[in-house]
C-alpha atoms as a PDB file:
ATOM      1  CA  MET A   1       0.036   0.164   0.237  1.00  0.00           C
ATOM      2  CA  ASP A   2       1.074   3.406  -0.873  1.00  0.00           C
ATOM      3  CA  ILE A   3       3.174   5.181   2.059  1.00  0.00           C
ATOM      4  CA  GLY A   4       1.444   8.707   1.435  1.00  0.00           C
ATOM      5  CA  LEU A   5      -2.196   7.062   1.366  1.00  0.00           C
ATOM      6  CA  ILE A   6      -1.364   5.525   4.945  1.00  0.00           C
ATOM      7  CA  SER A   7       0.469   8.673   6.289  1.00  0.00           C
ATOM      8  CA  SER A   8      -2.825  10.866   5.123  1.00  0.00           C
ATOM      9  CA  ARG A   9      -5.312   8.608   6.892  1.00  0.00           C
ATOM     10  CA  TYR A  10      -3.570   8.447  10.205  1.00  0.00           C
ATOM     11  CA  ALA A  11      -3.219  12.412  10.340  1.00  0.00           C
ATOM     12  CA  ASP A  12      -6.143  13.146   8.822  1.00  0.00           C
ATOM     13  CA  SER A  13      -7.987  10.599  11.328  1.00  0.00           C
ATOM     14  CA  LEU A  14      -5.941  12.557  14.272  1.00  0.00           C
ATOM     15  CA  LEU A  15      -6.707  15.826  13.443  1.00  0.00           C
ATOM     16  CA  GLN A  16     -10.520  15.199  13.323  1.00  0.00           C
ATOM     17  CA  TYR A  17     -10.327  13.477  16.611  1.00  0.00           C
ATOM     18  CA  ALA A  18      -7.897  16.132  18.046  1.00  0.00           C
ATOM     19  CA  VAL A  19     -10.419  18.816  16.839  1.00  0.00           C
ATOM     20  CA  SER A  20     -13.391  16.943  18.778  1.00  0.00           C
ATOM     21  CA  LEU A  21     -11.300  16.727  21.708  1.00  0.00           C
ATOM     22  CA  ASP A  22     -10.242  20.606  21.050  1.00  0.00           C
ATOM     23  CA  GLN A  23      -6.908  19.222  21.696  1.00  0.00           C
ATOM     24  CA  GLN A  24      -5.666  20.317  18.235  1.00  0.00           C
ATOM     25  CA  ASP A  25      -3.330  23.072  19.082  1.00  0.00           C
ATOM     26  CA  GLU A  26      -1.650  20.901  21.735  1.00  0.00           C
ATOM     27  CA  VAL A  27      -1.270  17.836  19.440  1.00  0.00           C
ATOM     28  CA  TYR A  28       0.128  20.381  16.561  1.00  0.00           C
ATOM     29  CA  ASP A  29       2.710  21.443  18.985  1.00  0.00           C
ATOM     30  CA  ARG A  30       3.648  18.040  20.085  1.00  0.00           C
ATOM     31  CA  MET A  31       3.850  17.362  16.432  1.00  0.00           C
ATOM     32  CA  LYS A  32       6.103  19.874  15.458  1.00  0.00           C
ATOM     33  CA  LEU A  33       8.478  18.507  18.506  1.00  0.00           C
ATOM     34  CA  LEU A  34       8.148  15.132  17.390  1.00  0.00           C
ATOM     35  CA  SER A  35       9.253  16.455  13.622  1.00  0.00           C
ATOM     36  CA  GLU A  36      12.030  18.250  14.924  1.00  0.00           C
ATOM     37  CA  MET A  37      12.977  15.032  17.134  1.00  0.00           C
ATOM     38  CA  PHE A  38      12.913  13.148  14.015  1.00  0.00           C
ATOM     39  CA  MET A  39      15.049  15.010  12.044  1.00  0.00           C
ATOM     40  CA  LYS A  40      17.740  16.092  14.402  1.00  0.00           C
ATOM     41  CA  MET A  41      17.912  12.704  15.696  1.00  0.00           C
ATOM     42  CA  PRO A  42      18.074   9.698  13.297  1.00  0.00           C
ATOM     43  CA  ALA A  43      18.104   6.933  16.296  1.00  0.00           C
ATOM     44  CA  LEU A  44      14.770   8.102  16.867  1.00  0.00           C
ATOM     45  CA  ARG A  45      13.664   6.449  13.289  1.00  0.00           C
ATOM     46  CA  ARG A  46      15.863   3.557  13.631  1.00  0.00           C
ATOM     47  CA  ALA A  47      14.304   2.713  17.254  1.00  0.00           C
ATOM     48  CA  MET A  48      10.775   2.981  15.748  1.00  0.00           C
ATOM     49  CA  MET A  49      11.708   0.842  13.072  1.00  0.00           C
ATOM     50  CA  ASN A  50      13.668  -1.766  14.885  1.00  0.00           C
ATOM     51  CA  PRO A  51      11.273  -4.964  15.720  1.00  0.00           C
ATOM     52  CA  SER A  52      13.066  -5.907  18.656  1.00  0.00           C
ATOM     53  CA  VAL A  53      11.974  -3.060  20.621  1.00  0.00           C
ATOM     54  CA  PRO A  54       9.031  -3.556  22.158  1.00  0.00           C
ATOM     55  CA  ALA A  55       5.733  -1.245  20.942  1.00  0.00           C
ATOM     56  CA  GLY A  56       5.665  -0.182  25.176  1.00  0.00           C
ATOM     57  CA  ASP A  57       9.133   1.054  24.991  1.00  0.00           C
ATOM     58  CA  LYS A  58       8.666   2.487  21.308  1.00  0.00           C
ATOM     59  CA  LYS A  59       5.874   4.388  22.976  1.00  0.00           C
ATOM     60  CA  LYS A  60       7.959   5.550  25.734  1.00  0.00           C
ATOM     61  CA  ILE A  61      10.202   6.753  23.543  1.00  0.00           C
ATOM     62  CA  LEU A  62       7.955   9.013  21.801  1.00  0.00           C
ATOM     63  CA  VAL A  63       6.257  10.416  24.740  1.00  0.00           C
ATOM     64  CA  THR A  64       9.910  11.662  25.834  1.00  0.00           C
ATOM     65  CA  ALA A  65      10.427  12.848  22.250  1.00  0.00           C
ATOM     66  CA  CYS A  66       6.984  14.590  22.440  1.00  0.00           C
ATOM     67  CA  GLY A  67       8.528  16.438  25.610  1.00  0.00           C
ATOM     68  CA  GLY A  68       7.482  14.320  28.139  1.00  0.00           C
ATOM     69  CA  SER A  69       3.668  14.331  27.943  1.00  0.00           C
ATOM     70  CA  MET A  70       0.908  13.324  25.229  1.00  0.00           C
ATOM     71  CA  PRO A  71      -2.620  14.758  24.719  1.00  0.00           C
ATOM     72  CA  SER A  72      -5.078  11.799  24.796  1.00  0.00           C
ATOM     73  CA  SER A  73      -5.598  11.924  21.088  1.00  0.00           C
ATOM     74  CA  LEU A  74      -2.139  11.664  20.544  1.00  0.00           C
ATOM     75  CA  SER A  75      -1.861   9.097  22.708  1.00  0.00           C
ATOM     76  CA  ARG A  76      -4.491   6.928  21.709  1.00  0.00           C
ATOM     77  CA  MET A  77      -3.251   7.722  17.795  1.00  0.00           C
ATOM     78  CA  THR A  78       0.257   6.396  18.874  1.00  0.00           C
ATOM     79  CA  ASP A  79      -1.093   3.268  20.347  1.00  0.00           C
ATOM     80  CA  LEU A  80      -3.384   2.554  17.213  1.00  0.00           C
ATOM     81  CA  ILE A  81      -0.208   3.145  14.896  1.00  0.00           C
ATOM     82  CA  LEU A  82       2.107   0.868  17.292  1.00  0.00           C
ATOM     83  CA  ARG A  83      -0.918  -1.628  17.674  1.00  0.00           C
ATOM     84  CA  ASN A  84      -1.261  -1.798  13.722  1.00  0.00           C
ATOM     85  CA  GLU A  85       2.794  -2.079  13.490  1.00  0.00           C
ATOM     86  CA  ARG A  86       2.847   1.219  10.781  1.00  0.00           C
ATOM     87  CA  GLU A  87       5.805   2.666  12.804  1.00  0.00           C
ATOM     88  CA  GLU A  88       7.880   2.935   9.751  1.00  0.00           C
ATOM     89  CA  ASN A  89       5.135   5.540   8.753  1.00  0.00           C
ATOM     90  CA  LEU A  90       5.180   7.790  11.654  1.00  0.00           C
ATOM     91  CA  GLN A  91       7.599  10.327  10.415  1.00  0.00           C
ATOM     92  CA  TYR A  92       5.597  10.590   7.313  1.00  0.00           C
ATOM     93  CA  ILE A  93       2.308  10.533   9.540  1.00  0.00           C
ATOM     94  CA  VAL A  94       3.561  13.255  11.625  1.00  0.00           C
ATOM     95  CA  LEU A  95       5.122  15.602   8.340  1.00  0.00           C
ATOM     96  CA  ARG A  96       1.361  15.020   6.749  1.00  0.00           C
ATOM     97  CA  PHE A  97      -0.557  15.837  10.287  1.00  0.00           C
ATOM     98  CA  ILE A  98       1.625  19.129  10.418  1.00  0.00           C
ATOM     99  CA  ASP A  99       0.620  20.281   6.567  1.00  0.00           C
ATOM    100  CA  LEU A 100      -3.166  19.280   7.275  1.00  0.00           C
ATOM    101  CA  TYR A 101      -2.852  21.346  10.448  1.00  0.00           C
ATOM    102  CA  ARG A 102      -1.484  24.441   8.689  1.00  0.00           C
ATOM    103  CA  GLU A 103      -3.995  23.756   5.670  1.00  0.00           C
ATOM    104  CA  LYS A 104      -7.533  23.687   8.154  1.00  0.00           C
ATOM    105  CA  PHE A 105      -6.347  26.618   9.973  1.00  0.00           C
ATOM    106  CA  ASN A 106      -4.873  28.809   7.241  1.00  0.00           C
ATOM    107  CA  ILE A 107      -1.155  29.152   8.814  1.00  0.00           C
ATOM    108  CA  GLN A 108       1.339  29.749   5.824  1.00  0.00           C
ATOM    109  CA  ARG A 109       5.198  29.203   7.162  1.00  0.00           C
ATOM    110  CA  GLY A 110       7.779  31.798   5.962  1.00  0.00           C
ATOM    111  CA  LYS A 111      11.570  32.448   6.765  1.00  0.00           C
ATOM    112  CA  LEU A 112      12.742  36.075   8.097  1.00  0.00           C
ATOM    113  CA  VAL A 113      16.468  36.795   6.997  1.00  0.00           C
ATOM    114  CA  THR A 114      17.992  39.809   8.247  1.00  0.00           C
ATOM    115  CA  ALA A 115      21.470  41.118   8.728  1.00  0.00           C
ATOM    116  CA  VAL A 116      21.668  41.248  12.497  1.00  0.00           C
ATOM    117  CA  ALA A 117      19.305  39.490  14.851  1.00  0.00           C
ATOM    118  CA  ILE A 118      15.729  41.738  15.505  1.00  0.00           C
ATOM    119  CA  ASP A 119      13.977  41.534  18.983  1.00  0.00           C
ATOM    120  CA  GLU A 120      10.812  39.816  19.725  1.00  0.00           C
ATOM    121  CA  GLU A 121       9.119  43.056  19.644  1.00  0.00           C
ATOM    122  CA  THR A 122      10.232  44.029  15.773  1.00  0.00           C
ATOM    123  CA  GLU A 123       9.869  40.605  14.826  1.00  0.00           C
ATOM    124  CA  GLN A 124       6.156  40.875  16.423  1.00  0.00           C
ATOM    125  CA  GLN A 125       5.379  43.891  14.773  1.00  0.00           C
ATOM    126  CA  LEU A 126       6.527  42.125  11.433  1.00  0.00           C
ATOM    127  CA  ILE A 127       4.366  39.130  11.426  1.00  0.00           C
ATOM    128  CA  SER A 128       1.164  41.477  12.671  1.00  0.00           C
ATOM    129  CA  ARG A 129       1.650  43.441   9.522  1.00  0.00           C
ATOM    130  CA  ILE A 130       2.612  40.724   7.259  1.00  0.00           C
ATOM    131  CA  GLN A 131      -0.435  38.743   8.740  1.00  0.00           C
ATOM    132  CA  LYS A 132      -2.716  41.835   7.715  1.00  0.00           C
ATOM    133  CA  MET A 133      -1.301  41.241   4.210  1.00  0.00           C
ATOM    134  CA  VAL A 134      -1.860  37.914   3.417  1.00  0.00           C
ATOM    135  CA  LYS A 135      -4.896  37.491   5.378  1.00  0.00           C
ATOM    136  CA  ALA A 136      -3.681  34.379   7.368  1.00  0.00           C
ATOM    137  CA  ASP A 137      -1.934  33.342  10.403  1.00  0.00           C
ATOM    138  CA  ILE A 138       2.253  32.860   9.965  1.00  0.00           C
ATOM    139  CA  GLU A 139       4.539  30.985  11.626  1.00  0.00           C
ATOM    140  CA  ILE A 140       8.267  32.931  10.913  1.00  0.00           C
ATOM    141  CA  GLU A 141      11.365  31.433  11.630  1.00  0.00           C
ATOM    142  CA  SER A 142      14.294  34.037  11.865  1.00  0.00           C
ATOM    143  CA  VAL A 143      17.533  33.844  11.004  1.00  0.00           C
ATOM    144  CA  ALA A 144      20.451  36.128  10.712  1.00  0.00           C
ATOM    145  CA  ASP A 145      22.660  35.862   7.853  1.00  0.00           C
ATOM    146  CA  PRO A 146      25.180  39.012   7.612  1.00  0.00           C
ATOM    147  CA  GLY A 147      26.126  38.297   4.517  1.00  0.00           C
ATOM    148  CA  ILE A 148      22.778  40.300   3.001  1.00  0.00           C
ATOM    149  CA  ILE A 149      24.343  43.513   4.607  1.00  0.00           C
ATOM    150  CA  GLY A 150      21.444  45.491   5.738  1.00  0.00           C
ATOM    151  CA  GLY A 151      17.617  44.795   5.204  1.00  0.00           C
ATOM    152  CA  PHE A 152      15.448  41.443   4.957  1.00  0.00           C
ATOM    153  CA  ILE A 153      14.511  38.898   2.872  1.00  0.00           C
ATOM    154  CA  LEU A 154      10.956  37.254   3.624  1.00  0.00           C
ATOM    155  CA  THR A 155       9.816  33.683   2.251  1.00  0.00           C
ATOM    156  CA  LEU A 156       6.588  32.709   2.789  1.00  0.00           C
ATOM    157  CA  ASP A 157       5.740  29.738   0.981  1.00  0.00           C
ATOM    158  CA  ASP A 158       6.163  30.115  -2.744  1.00  0.00           C
ATOM    159  CA  PHE A 159       6.688  34.243  -2.411  1.00  0.00           C
ATOM    160  CA  ARG A 160       9.871  35.827  -2.091  1.00  0.00           C
ATOM    161  CA  TRP A 161      10.508  39.303  -1.227  1.00  0.00           C
ATOM    162  CA  ASP A 162      14.237  40.520  -1.139  1.00  0.00           C
ATOM    163  CA  ALA A 163      14.829  44.167   0.194  1.00  0.00           C
ATOM    164  CA  SER A 164      18.278  43.298   1.747  1.00  0.00           C
ATOM    165  CA  ILE A 165      21.446  45.385   0.143  1.00  0.00           C
ATOM    166  CA  SER A 166      23.102  42.223  -1.332  1.00  0.00           C
ATOM    167  CA  GLY A 167      19.826  41.536  -3.775  1.00  0.00           C
ATOM    168  CA  GLU A 168      19.887  45.386  -4.569  1.00  0.00           C
ATOM    169  CA  LEU A 169      23.636  45.467  -5.400  1.00  0.00           C
ATOM    170  CA  ALA A 170      23.104  42.086  -7.232  1.00  0.00           C
ATOM    171  CA  ARG A 171      19.861  43.524  -9.376  1.00  0.00           C
ATOM    172  CA  ILE A 172      22.180  46.514 -10.374  1.00  0.00           C
ATOM    173  CA  ARG A 173      25.351  44.657 -11.176  1.00  0.00           C
ATOM    174  CA  ASN A 174      22.754  42.229 -13.411  1.00  0.00           C
ATOM    175  CA  LYS A 175      21.430  45.604 -14.825  1.00  0.00           C
ATOM    176  CA  PHE A 176      24.795  47.225 -15.668  1.00  0.00           C
ATOM    177  CA  GLN A 177      25.838  44.098 -17.481  1.00  0.00           C
ATOM    178  CA  LYS A 178      23.065  43.703 -19.460  1.00  0.00           C
ATOM    179  CA  GLU A 179      23.470  47.432 -20.557  1.00  0.00           C
ATOM    180  CA  GLN A 180      26.921  46.592 -21.739  1.00  0.00           C
ATOM    181  CA  LEU A 181      25.691  43.543 -24.112  1.00  0.00           C
END
């Protein structure tokens, strides 16, 4: 059976169940944390795939990876996944759940690159302005990159706004090169 189909079914069921129990935000936070753990710790995936690790131990590992606790809806779904021996799909289920949640609750993901780190207040003001423009909630990852010299680069889904000094210099250089041809 198709891994994408299995992952989508479990993720969709979890989202519906979490919404019915009003636990969707807490499950979303735990799923983001679990996704991060899968990326940072390849041993987590190996432990889930290892048939010699008992289901009870796998559950404890997942609870630990989720920050030490799980909402009841996520706990029951984890039990179902382990009982049906779908651990190999767990990382894909997590990623699909995150996508479905963002789609359902109109959340766009983005990245803000600045030359220097910005303070929390400035970041929140910028996020608030962007949310008004796109008419959606956004999750922004802030990154400092001195290579852009100044200004910022905002990437939001498939939209990119380059208001950096390095970007402007590159545009000027390209303009002069085209004029010389």
